[in-house]
Protein backbone atom coordinates (compact mmCIF):
# COMPACT_ATOMS: atom_id res chain seq x y z
CA UNK A 1 18.55 1.51 3.17
CA UNK A 2 15.67 0.72 5.63
CA UNK A 3 16.72 -1.80 8.20
CA UNK A 4 14.04 -4.28 9.42
CA UNK A 5 13.67 -3.58 13.13
CA UNK A 6 13.52 -6.30 15.78
CA UNK A 7 10.40 -5.35 17.64
CA UNK A 8 7.55 -7.22 19.34
CA UNK A 9 5.07 -5.58 17.01
CA UNK A 10 4.93 -3.02 14.12
CA UNK A 11 4.20 0.38 15.65
CA UNK A 12 1.11 2.20 14.48
CA UNK A 13 1.13 5.94 13.87
CA UNK A 14 -1.25 8.57 12.57
CA UNK A 15 1.77 10.41 11.31
CA UNK A 16 5.25 8.85 11.79
CA UNK A 17 6.61 9.44 15.31
CA UNK A 18 3.17 10.65 16.61
CA UNK A 19 0.54 8.93 18.59
CA UNK A 20 -1.81 6.41 16.76
CA UNK A 21 -5.29 7.36 15.81
CA UNK A 22 -6.68 9.79 13.27
CA UNK A 23 -4.81 13.07 12.78
CA UNK A 24 -6.61 16.25 13.71
CA UNK A 25 -7.58 16.96 10.07
CA UNK A 26 -9.00 14.33 7.66
CA UNK A 27 -6.10 15.26 5.36
CA UNK A 28 -2.40 16.06 6.03
CA UNK A 29 0.40 16.83 3.62
CA UNK A 30 4.01 17.61 4.32
CA UNK A 31 7.32 17.56 2.48
CA UNK A 32 9.48 14.50 2.69
CA UNK A 33 12.29 16.64 4.18
CA UNK A 34 10.20 18.15 7.02
CA UNK A 35 9.83 14.77 8.77
CA UNK A 36 12.57 12.52 7.45
CA UNK A 37 15.45 14.98 8.16
CA UNK A 38 14.59 14.72 11.87
CA UNK A 39 15.28 10.90 11.66
CA UNK A 40 18.48 11.05 9.58
CA UNK A 41 16.52 10.45 6.43
CA UNK A 42 15.33 6.97 7.57
CA UNK A 43 11.71 6.14 8.50
CA UNK A 44 11.49 2.78 10.23
CA UNK A 45 8.81 0.21 9.73
CA UNK A 46 5.30 1.24 10.83
CA UNK A 47 1.64 1.07 9.85
CA UNK A 48 -1.29 3.45 9.63
CA UNK A 49 -4.67 2.10 10.84
CA UNK A 50 -7.66 3.31 8.77
CA UNK A 51 -5.53 5.92 6.90
CA UNK A 52 -4.40 5.90 3.30
CA UNK A 53 -1.11 7.33 2.27
CA UNK A 54 0.73 8.34 -0.92
CA UNK A 55 4.37 9.10 -0.87
CA UNK A 56 5.24 11.19 -3.93
CA UNK A 57 8.98 11.39 -4.76
CA UNK A 58 9.28 14.14 -7.37
CA UNK A 59 13.03 13.73 -7.66
CA UNK A 60 15.93 11.97 -6.04
CA UNK A 61 16.24 8.47 -4.63
CA UNK A 62 13.99 6.46 -2.24
CA UNK A 63 14.43 2.94 -0.91
CA UNK A 64 11.01 1.63 -0.01
CA UNK A 65 10.29 -1.41 2.11
CA UNK A 66 6.59 -2.08 1.38
CA UNK A 67 5.08 -5.21 2.87
CA UNK A 68 7.37 -7.99 1.54
CA UNK A 69 9.08 -5.88 -1.17
CA UNK A 70 12.15 -3.68 -0.88
CA UNK A 71 13.15 -1.55 -3.85
CA UNK A 72 15.24 1.44 -4.63
CA UNK A 73 13.71 3.87 -7.08
CA UNK A 74 14.46 7.41 -8.35
CA UNK A 75 11.71 10.07 -8.82
CA UNK A 76 9.25 10.64 -10.09
CA UNK A 77 7.81 7.69 -8.11
CA UNK A 78 4.56 7.20 -6.16
CA UNK A 79 4.38 4.69 -3.27
CA UNK A 80 0.79 3.79 -2.59
CA UNK A 81 0.19 2.47 1.02
CA UNK A 82 -3.21 1.04 2.04
CA UNK A 83 -4.17 0.96 5.69
CA UNK A 84 -2.37 -1.69 7.82
CA UNK A 85 0.52 -2.31 5.35
CA UNK A 86 4.01 -2.13 6.96
CA UNK A 87 6.31 0.26 5.23
CA UNK A 88 9.68 1.89 5.77
CA UNK A 89 11.80 4.46 3.79
CA UNK A 90 15.23 5.69 3.36
CA UNK A 91 15.90 8.99 1.55
CA UNK A 92 18.84 11.13 0.59
CA UNK A 93 19.10 14.85 1.49
CA UNK A 94 18.42 15.67 -2.23
CA UNK A 95 15.12 13.74 -2.29
CA UNK A 96 12.25 16.09 -3.05
CA UNK A 97 8.55 15.33 -2.73
CA UNK A 98 5.59 15.11 -0.33
CA UNK A 99 3.61 12.66 1.79
CA UNK A 100 -0.14 12.82 1.56
CA UNK A 101 -2.06 11.02 4.41
CA UNK A 102 -5.81 10.97 4.55
CA UNK A 103 -9.01 9.53 5.87
CA UNK A 104 -10.74 7.91 2.89
CA UNK A 105 -14.18 9.17 4.09
CA UNK A 106 -12.97 12.62 3.34
CA UNK A 107 -12.21 11.73 -0.31
CA UNK A 108 -15.45 9.93 -0.82
CA UNK A 109 -17.80 12.39 0.91
CA UNK A 110 -20.27 14.11 -1.51
CA UNK A 111 -18.40 13.10 -4.61
CA UNK A 112 -19.35 11.34 -7.87
CA UNK A 113 -18.75 7.62 -8.08
CA UNK A 114 -15.53 8.17 -10.10
CA UNK A 115 -13.77 9.33 -6.89
CA UNK A 116 -14.68 6.10 -5.02
CA UNK A 117 -13.83 3.95 -7.98
CA UNK A 118 -10.37 5.59 -8.26
CA UNK A 119 -9.70 5.27 -4.53
CA UNK A 120 -10.65 1.53 -4.39
CA UNK A 121 -8.71 0.67 -7.52
CA UNK A 122 -5.54 2.58 -6.51
CA UNK A 123 -5.50 1.19 -2.94
CA UNK A 124 -6.50 -2.32 -3.74
CA UNK A 125 -2.89 -3.39 -2.99
CA UNK A 126 0.34 -1.66 -2.00
CA UNK A 127 2.33 -0.52 -5.01
CA UNK A 128 5.33 1.41 -6.20
CA UNK A 129 4.68 3.36 -9.42
CA UNK A 130 7.61 4.85 -11.24
CA UNK A 131 7.15 7.29 -14.13
CA UNK A 132 9.23 8.92 -16.78
CA UNK A 133 10.31 12.43 -15.65
CA UNK A 134 8.97 14.04 -18.85
CA UNK A 135 5.67 12.14 -18.82
CA UNK A 136 2.36 14.04 -18.68
CA UNK A 137 1.24 11.96 -15.65
CA UNK A 138 4.38 12.89 -13.65
CA UNK A 139 4.05 16.58 -14.63
CA UNK A 140 0.41 16.79 -13.55
CA UNK A 141 0.82 14.86 -10.31
CA UNK A 142 3.90 16.97 -9.24
CA UNK A 143 1.96 20.18 -10.05
CA UNK A 144 -1.07 18.93 -8.10
CA UNK A 145 1.02 17.87 -5.05
CA UNK A 146 2.79 21.29 -4.96
CA UNK A 147 -0.50 23.08 -5.23
CA UNK A 148 -1.94 20.91 -2.45
CA UNK A 149 1.11 21.59 -0.17
CA UNK A 150 0.58 25.36 -0.78
CA UNK A 151 -3.13 25.36 -0.20
CA UNK A 152 -2.76 23.13 2.92
CA UNK A 153 -0.30 25.66 4.43
CA UNK A 154 -2.43 28.73 3.54
CA UNK A 155 -3.84 30.72 6.42
CA UNK A 156 -7.44 30.02 5.26
CA UNK A 157 -6.87 26.29 4.77
CA UNK A 158 -9.05 25.15 7.75
CA UNK A 159 -12.16 26.61 6.06
CA UNK A 160 -11.22 25.85 2.44
CA UNK A 161 -12.45 22.87 0.39
CA UNK A 162 -9.46 23.28 -2.00
CA UNK A 163 -7.11 20.87 -0.31
CA UNK A 164 -9.64 18.03 -0.52
CA UNK A 165 -10.35 18.85 -4.17
CA UNK A 166 -6.69 18.64 -4.98
CA UNK A 167 -6.24 15.35 -3.04
CA UNK A 168 -9.12 13.87 -4.89
CA UNK A 169 -7.48 15.00 -8.18
CA UNK A 170 -4.19 13.34 -7.24
CA UNK A 171 -5.91 10.07 -6.25
CA UNK A 172 -7.81 10.17 -9.55
CA UNK A 173 -4.80 10.98 -11.74
CA UNK A 174 -2.61 8.36 -10.10
CA UNK A 175 -5.33 5.73 -10.42
CA UNK A 176 -5.86 6.74 -14.08
CA UNK A 177 -2.14 6.33 -14.74
CA UNK A 178 -2.07 2.89 -13.14
CA UNK A 179 -5.13 1.78 -15.14
CA UNK A 180 -3.53 3.00 -18.31
CA UNK A 181 -0.44 0.95 -17.70
CA UNK A 182 -2.48 -2.24 -17.46
CA UNK A 183 -5.23 -1.45 -19.91
CA UNK A 184 -4.02 -3.93 -22.62
CA UNK A 185 -5.83 -7.21 -22.29
CA UNK A 186 -8.13 -5.93 -19.49
CA UNK A 187 -11.76 -6.71 -19.32
CA UNK A 188 -13.26 -3.29 -18.75
CA UNK A 189 -16.59 -4.76 -17.52
CA UNK A 190 -14.85 -7.05 -15.09
CA UNK A 191 -12.56 -4.44 -13.46
CA UNK A 192 -15.15 -3.08 -10.88
CA UNK A 193 -15.96 -6.68 -9.85
CA UNK A 194 -12.27 -7.41 -9.55
CA UNK A 195 -11.75 -4.33 -7.37
CA UNK A 196 -14.50 -5.48 -5.10
CA UNK A 197 -12.95 -8.92 -4.90
CA UNK A 198 -9.59 -7.40 -4.04
CA UNK A 199 -11.22 -5.33 -1.30
CA UNK A 200 -12.79 -8.45 0.12
CA UNK A 201 -9.54 -10.34 0.10
CA UNK A 202 -7.83 -7.40 1.90
CA UNK A 203 -10.54 -7.56 4.62
CA UNK A 204 -10.81 -11.38 4.96
CA UNK A 205 -7.59 -13.10 3.86
CA UNK A 206 -6.61 -13.91 7.48
CA UNK A 207 -10.05 -15.59 7.98
CA UNK A 208 -9.23 -18.09 5.18
CA UNK A 209 -12.66 -17.70 3.52
CA UNK A 210 -13.36 -20.54 1.04
CA UNK A 211 -13.34 -19.34 -2.61
CA UNK A 212 -17.13 -20.09 -2.86
CA UNK A 213 -17.76 -17.60 -0.09
CA UNK A 214 -15.96 -14.86 -1.97
CA UNK A 215 -17.83 -15.74 -5.17
CA UNK A 216 -21.25 -15.80 -3.40
CA UNK A 217 -20.59 -12.48 -1.65
CA UNK A 218 -19.90 -10.96 -5.13
CA UNK A 219 -22.98 -12.67 -6.65
CA UNK A 220 -20.79 -14.83 -8.92
CA UNK A 221 -20.23 -18.41 -9.65
CA UNK A 222 -16.81 -19.77 -8.68
CA UNK A 223 -16.08 -20.35 -12.38
CA UNK A 224 -16.77 -16.78 -13.22
CA UNK A 225 -14.73 -15.49 -10.32
CA UNK A 226 -11.75 -17.58 -11.57
CA UNK A 227 -12.23 -16.25 -15.16
CA UNK A 228 -12.29 -12.69 -13.69
CA UNK A 229 -9.05 -13.06 -11.72
CA UNK A 230 -7.34 -14.78 -14.69
CA UNK A 231 -8.12 -11.83 -16.93
CA UNK A 232 -6.72 -9.42 -14.33
CA UNK A 233 -3.83 -11.35 -12.94
CA UNK A 234 -3.26 -14.42 -15.16
CA UNK A 235 -3.96 -16.75 -12.23
CA UNK A 236 -6.92 -18.30 -10.42
CA UNK A 237 -8.72 -16.64 -7.52
CA UNK A 238 -7.27 -18.92 -4.91
CA UNK A 239 -3.74 -18.06 -5.97
CA UNK A 240 -4.60 -14.32 -5.63
CA UNK A 241 -5.75 -14.93 -1.97
CA UNK A 242 -2.69 -17.03 -1.25
CA UNK A 243 -0.31 -14.37 -2.68
CA UNK A 244 -1.90 -11.86 -0.29
CA UNK A 245 -1.40 -14.21 2.64
CA UNK A 246 2.18 -14.77 1.64
CA UNK A 247 2.79 -10.98 1.36
CA UNK A 248 1.36 -10.57 4.86
CA UNK A 249 3.52 -13.41 6.19
CA UNK A 250 6.68 -12.00 4.60
CA UNK A 251 5.99 -8.57 6.14
CA UNK A 252 5.53 -10.07 9.61
CA UNK A 253 8.58 -12.29 9.37
CA UNK A 254 10.68 -9.16 8.43
CA UNK A 255 9.27 -6.65 10.90
CA UNK A 256 7.88 -8.60 13.81
CA UNK A 257 10.31 -10.48 16.17
CA UNK A 258 7.71 -13.06 17.17
CA UNK A 259 8.07 -16.94 16.95
CA UNK A 260 6.91 -18.37 13.66
CA UNK A 261 4.17 -20.42 15.41
CA UNK A 262 2.69 -17.15 16.94
CA UNK A 263 2.76 -15.52 13.48
CA UNK A 264 1.03 -18.53 11.86
CA UNK A 265 -1.83 -18.28 14.33
CA UNK A 266 -2.13 -14.49 13.75
CA UNK A 267 -2.48 -15.27 10.03
CA UNK A 268 -5.33 -17.66 10.61
CA UNK A 269 -3.43 -20.95 10.35
CA UNK A 270 -4.46 -23.50 13.01
CA UNK A 271 -1.37 -25.64 12.47
CA UNK A 272 2.05 -23.98 12.36
CA UNK A 273 3.53 -26.97 10.48
CA UNK A 274 1.02 -26.50 7.74
CA UNK A 275 1.79 -22.76 7.66
CA UNK A 276 5.54 -23.62 7.16
CA UNK A 277 4.72 -26.00 4.25
CA UNK A 278 2.33 -23.37 2.73
CA UNK A 279 4.99 -20.74 2.95
CA UNK A 280 7.84 -22.89 1.53
CA UNK A 281 5.57 -23.97 -1.33
CA UNK A 282 4.98 -20.32 -2.34
CA UNK A 283 8.36 -18.75 -1.42
CA UNK A 284 10.82 -21.59 -1.83
CA UNK A 285 12.20 -21.19 1.72
CA UNK A 286 10.93 -22.03 5.14
CA UNK A 287 9.77 -19.11 7.23
CA UNK A 288 12.96 -19.32 9.37
CA UNK A 289 15.18 -19.50 6.27
CA UNK A 290 13.37 -16.44 4.68
CA UNK A 291 13.67 -14.43 7.98
CA UNK A 292 17.41 -15.29 8.37
CA UNK A 293 18.20 -14.50 4.77
CA UNK A 294 16.48 -11.09 4.90
CA UNK A 295 18.27 -9.99 8.09
CA UNK A 296 21.57 -11.16 6.71
CA UNK A 297 20.96 -9.13 3.57
CA UNK A 298 19.97 -6.10 5.55
CA UNK A 299 23.05 -6.25 7.71
CA UNK A 300 25.58 -6.73 4.85
């Protein structure tokens, strides 16, 4: 099971264990075994700056620490990791699958709007997506990932557009599957607007934008923004933003060994005492109680 490390900051890698920055290619794919076996099947907490990542577990177990969530799942499971989200994994030797890491510009370049829509919707938030082993979605995604790995390793891969085509297909298929699971009760016309709102929240949640600024940036009234988020999440827009802040706070409390006051300033709170009250109101524990409980759980 991934153990939250006590570090002064969360390390950033292009690929785990390698120097930060963009990898040499705009796309990289490798088997889970090829890297995790070197680290005794445990990948400690880290982030990727500017890079998107999909962990595809075709079969076998994975324990994923993703932002403030830690879950054990069995394949087929996809773990979707937006840039800057702290994540850690523990696998077993029998775990089979692949890791796809890519620069989003490569996916978007020269493609129809559907590719961009799928990318933004899928990576609007970190997520763990489990599927039935005999489902059509799991079968298709597994086949695409295997084909991608083969094409990426082919001698003519550097000059071939095929790996990018397959990567786009994986993103589209996975986004389509996630959308299908949430289609009931959704407002189809509102979804693109909600995706834009989610992208804005991801970029500005630590700046504590007022809700009216989000609404005005989207060309909406505050009332319409609240209706939109209630259709998508069942809650008001401010609660959606607060939930993102809480998720970030939980991640930092778990993975960063810095004082609570320092973390509160990094999250845009001017008063650490107010941050503690905000956190306790949403989580039910003070930041220190939450941090202590998580480390006691990880060490037991």
